[in-house]
Amino acid sequence: VTTCMAKKKGIRVIITVECTEARGEGLTPSRYTTEKNRKNTPDRLEVMKYNKYLRKHTLHRELKK
């Protein structure tokens, strides 16, 4: 039986992206979880995703942990 001493932090991390438009208007923001590669995208992730409350595609930004 082999035991793992210490796990190294992985390059791929799970992040949450939140709608910026709904947050500005004070409405319910839509949130999605996704994975990103820390090596390829060290800065905050920005993606166009569908907001079901506004019923349109809006800009979603990565949240701080």
Protein backbone atom coordinates (compact mmCIF):
# COMPACT_ATOMS: atom_id res chain seq x y z
CA VAL A 1 0.00 0.00 0.00
CA THR A 2 1.42 3.38 -1.00
CA THR A 3 0.56 6.54 0.88
CA CYS A 4 0.55 10.03 -0.51
CA MET A 5 2.51 12.41 1.72
CA ALA A 6 1.43 15.83 0.45
CA LYS A 7 -0.65 16.79 -2.54
CA LYS A 8 0.70 19.55 -4.76
CA LYS A 9 -1.72 22.28 -5.82
CA GLY A 10 -3.00 21.40 -9.27
CA ILE A 11 -2.71 23.61 -12.32
CA ARG A 12 -6.43 23.22 -13.11
CA VAL A 13 -8.71 24.90 -10.56
CA ILE A 14 -12.50 25.08 -10.21
CA ILE A 15 -13.78 28.67 -10.40
CA THR A 16 -17.14 30.46 -10.22
CA VAL A 17 -18.17 33.06 -12.82
CA GLU A 18 -20.95 35.58 -12.07
CA CYS A 19 -23.01 37.88 -14.29
CA THR A 20 -21.79 41.49 -14.22
CA GLU A 21 -24.92 43.07 -15.76
CA ALA A 22 -27.39 41.72 -13.19
CA ARG A 23 -25.05 42.62 -10.33
CA GLY A 24 -24.93 46.26 -11.53
CA GLU A 25 -28.72 46.46 -11.75
CA GLY A 26 -29.26 44.83 -8.35
CA LEU A 27 -31.04 41.80 -9.86
CA THR A 28 -30.37 38.11 -9.23
CA PRO A 29 -27.00 37.26 -10.83
CA SER A 30 -26.56 33.94 -12.59
CA ARG A 31 -23.53 31.89 -11.57
CA TYR A 32 -21.69 29.09 -13.33
CA THR A 33 -18.84 26.87 -12.15
CA THR A 34 -16.10 25.86 -14.55
CA GLU A 35 -12.45 24.84 -14.64
CA LYS A 36 -9.53 26.96 -15.75
CA ASN A 37 -5.87 26.29 -16.33
CA ARG A 38 -3.86 28.54 -14.00
CA LYS A 39 -0.82 28.40 -16.28
CA ASN A 40 -2.64 29.55 -19.46
CA THR A 41 -4.97 32.13 -17.85
CA PRO A 42 -3.37 33.62 -14.72
CA ASP A 43 -5.69 36.67 -14.78
CA ARG A 44 -9.45 36.69 -14.14
CA LEU A 45 -11.58 34.78 -16.63
CA GLU A 46 -14.30 36.63 -18.61
CA VAL A 47 -16.83 34.68 -20.70
CA MET A 48 -20.16 35.37 -22.38
CA LYS A 49 -22.76 33.08 -20.80
CA TYR A 50 -26.56 32.93 -20.76
CA ASN A 51 -28.33 34.63 -17.84
CA LYS A 52 -31.70 32.91 -17.36
CA TYR A 53 -33.07 35.78 -15.23
CA LEU A 54 -32.37 38.45 -17.89
CA ARG A 55 -33.01 35.94 -20.74
CA LYS A 56 -29.95 36.99 -22.73
CA HIS A 57 -26.21 36.41 -23.04
CA THR A 58 -24.18 38.61 -20.70
CA LEU A 59 -20.58 38.99 -19.58
CA HIS A 60 -19.65 36.76 -16.64
CA ARG A 61 -16.47 37.36 -14.62
CA GLU A 62 -14.55 35.12 -12.27
CA LEU A 63 -15.25 35.67 -8.57
CA LYS A 64 -12.58 36.02 -5.90
CA LYS A 65 -12.27 33.09 -3.54
